[in-house]
Amino acid sequence: MQSTMESVLMFRRALVGAALIAAASLAAMPPVAQTQDAGSFPNRPLRIVTPTAAGGNIDIMARALAEKLATAWGQGVVVEPRPGANGVLAHAAIRNNDYPETLGGSA
């Protein structure tokens, strides 16, 4: 039987591994976006909304991803933590997003 601490550590390792795979997948994508108006994307600063508090694992990974995207796209990327209501507040913040692509997760 695993202790609670071991379970938490295993979950964190899995989360970090999944985030690294996601970041590697994004880095391997071709630089040309396949959207209707690929020439102008992104034409303004982007937001990454996280459903957890600042300083958590998801927030740290989102900030690392934001730094890489800002460098690659030459556009500002802001990480906006919206904790609370089991992710409902974060989803409400992106509901009326102008960009059709949304990277989401749950707490």
Protein backbone atom coordinates (compact mmCIF):
# COMPACT_ATOMS: atom_id res chain seq x y z
CA MET A 1 0.00 0.00 0.00
CA GLN A 2 1.41 3.38 -0.99
CA SER A 3 1.53 6.25 1.38
CA THR A 4 -0.15 9.52 0.53
CA MET A 5 3.22 11.20 0.00
CA GLU A 6 4.30 8.53 -2.49
CA SER A 7 1.03 8.97 -4.37
CA VAL A 8 1.52 12.73 -4.52
CA LEU A 9 5.08 12.33 -5.80
CA MET A 10 3.95 9.85 -8.47
CA PHE A 11 1.21 12.25 -9.56
CA ARG A 12 3.69 15.13 -9.79
CA ARG A 13 6.11 13.05 -11.85
CA ALA A 14 3.32 12.08 -14.22
CA LEU A 15 2.17 15.70 -14.50
CA VAL A 16 5.67 16.97 -15.24
CA GLY A 17 6.18 14.18 -17.76
CA ALA A 18 2.93 15.02 -19.53
CA ALA A 19 3.82 18.71 -19.59
CA LEU A 20 7.25 17.96 -21.05
CA ILE A 21 5.69 15.79 -23.75
CA ALA A 22 3.22 18.57 -24.56
CA ALA A 23 6.02 21.15 -24.73
CA ALA A 24 8.12 18.89 -26.96
CA SER A 25 5.12 18.35 -29.24
CA LEU A 26 4.59 22.08 -29.55
CA ALA A 27 8.28 22.62 -30.25
CA ALA A 28 8.22 19.97 -32.99
CA MET A 29 5.27 21.58 -34.77
CA PRO A 30 6.02 23.50 -37.97
CA PRO A 31 6.27 27.25 -37.42
CA VAL A 32 3.42 28.01 -39.83
CA ALA A 33 0.02 27.95 -38.17
CA GLN A 34 -2.65 26.20 -40.17
CA THR A 35 -5.48 28.62 -39.59
CA GLN A 36 -7.44 30.80 -41.96
CA ASP A 37 -5.27 33.84 -41.32
CA ALA A 38 -1.91 32.28 -40.52
CA GLY A 39 0.04 35.38 -41.52
CA SER A 40 -1.32 37.51 -38.71
CA PHE A 41 -1.40 34.98 -35.85
CA PRO A 42 -0.68 36.03 -33.16
CA ASN A 43 -1.43 39.66 -33.80
CA ARG A 44 -1.65 40.63 -30.11
CA PRO A 45 -0.43 39.31 -26.74
CA LEU A 46 -1.74 35.86 -25.82
CA ARG A 47 -3.17 34.63 -22.51
CA ILE A 48 -2.71 31.23 -20.95
CA VAL A 49 -5.35 30.81 -18.24
CA THR A 50 -4.57 28.20 -15.59
CA PRO A 51 -7.19 26.79 -13.22
CA THR A 52 -4.76 26.69 -10.27
CA ALA A 53 -3.09 29.19 -7.98
CA ALA A 54 0.17 30.89 -8.89
CA GLY A 55 3.25 28.90 -7.92
CA GLY A 56 1.72 25.46 -8.44
CA ASN A 57 2.94 22.83 -10.88
CA ILE A 58 0.55 23.79 -13.66
CA ASP A 59 1.41 27.48 -13.26
CA ILE A 60 5.15 26.79 -13.40
CA MET A 61 4.78 24.68 -16.55
CA ALA A 62 2.51 27.29 -18.15
CA ARG A 63 5.08 30.01 -17.46
CA ALA A 64 7.86 27.90 -18.99
CA LEU A 65 5.69 27.29 -22.05
CA ALA A 66 4.78 30.99 -22.25
CA GLU A 67 8.44 31.95 -22.29
CA LYS A 68 9.17 29.56 -25.18
CA LEU A 69 6.11 30.70 -27.15
CA ALA A 70 6.96 34.37 -26.65
CA THR A 71 10.46 33.74 -27.98
CA ALA A 72 9.25 31.68 -30.94
CA TRP A 73 6.39 33.97 -31.98
CA GLY A 74 7.88 37.34 -31.02
CA GLN A 75 4.67 38.20 -29.19
CA GLY A 76 3.95 38.57 -25.50
CA VAL A 77 2.38 35.63 -23.67
CA VAL A 78 0.77 36.20 -20.26
CA VAL A 79 -0.05 33.45 -17.76
CA GLU A 80 -3.19 34.28 -15.82
CA PRO A 81 -3.99 32.05 -12.82
CA ARG A 82 -7.74 31.76 -12.15
CA PRO A 83 -8.12 29.32 -9.24
CA GLY A 84 -11.43 28.44 -7.72
CA ALA A 85 -14.70 26.62 -8.31
CA ASN A 86 -12.85 23.49 -9.52
CA GLY A 87 -11.74 25.20 -12.74
CA VAL A 88 -15.07 26.86 -13.56
CA LEU A 89 -13.61 30.36 -13.14
CA ALA A 90 -10.76 29.60 -15.55
CA HIS A 91 -13.13 28.14 -18.12
CA ALA A 92 -15.43 31.15 -17.79
CA ALA A 93 -12.44 33.42 -18.43
CA ILE A 94 -11.72 31.75 -21.77
CA ARG A 95 -15.30 31.09 -22.86
CA ASN A 96 -15.40 34.13 -25.15
CA ASN A 97 -11.87 33.69 -26.45
CA ASP A 98 -11.18 35.32 -29.83
CA TYR A 99 -8.74 32.60 -30.83
CA PRO A 100 -10.44 29.28 -31.64
CA GLU A 101 -7.52 27.23 -30.30
CA THR A 102 -7.61 26.86 -26.55
CA LEU A 103 -5.19 24.94 -24.37
CA GLY A 104 -7.06 23.86 -21.27
CA GLY A 105 -6.72 21.62 -18.29
CA SER A 106 -8.39 20.86 -15.03
CA ALA A 107 -7.27 21.29 -11.48
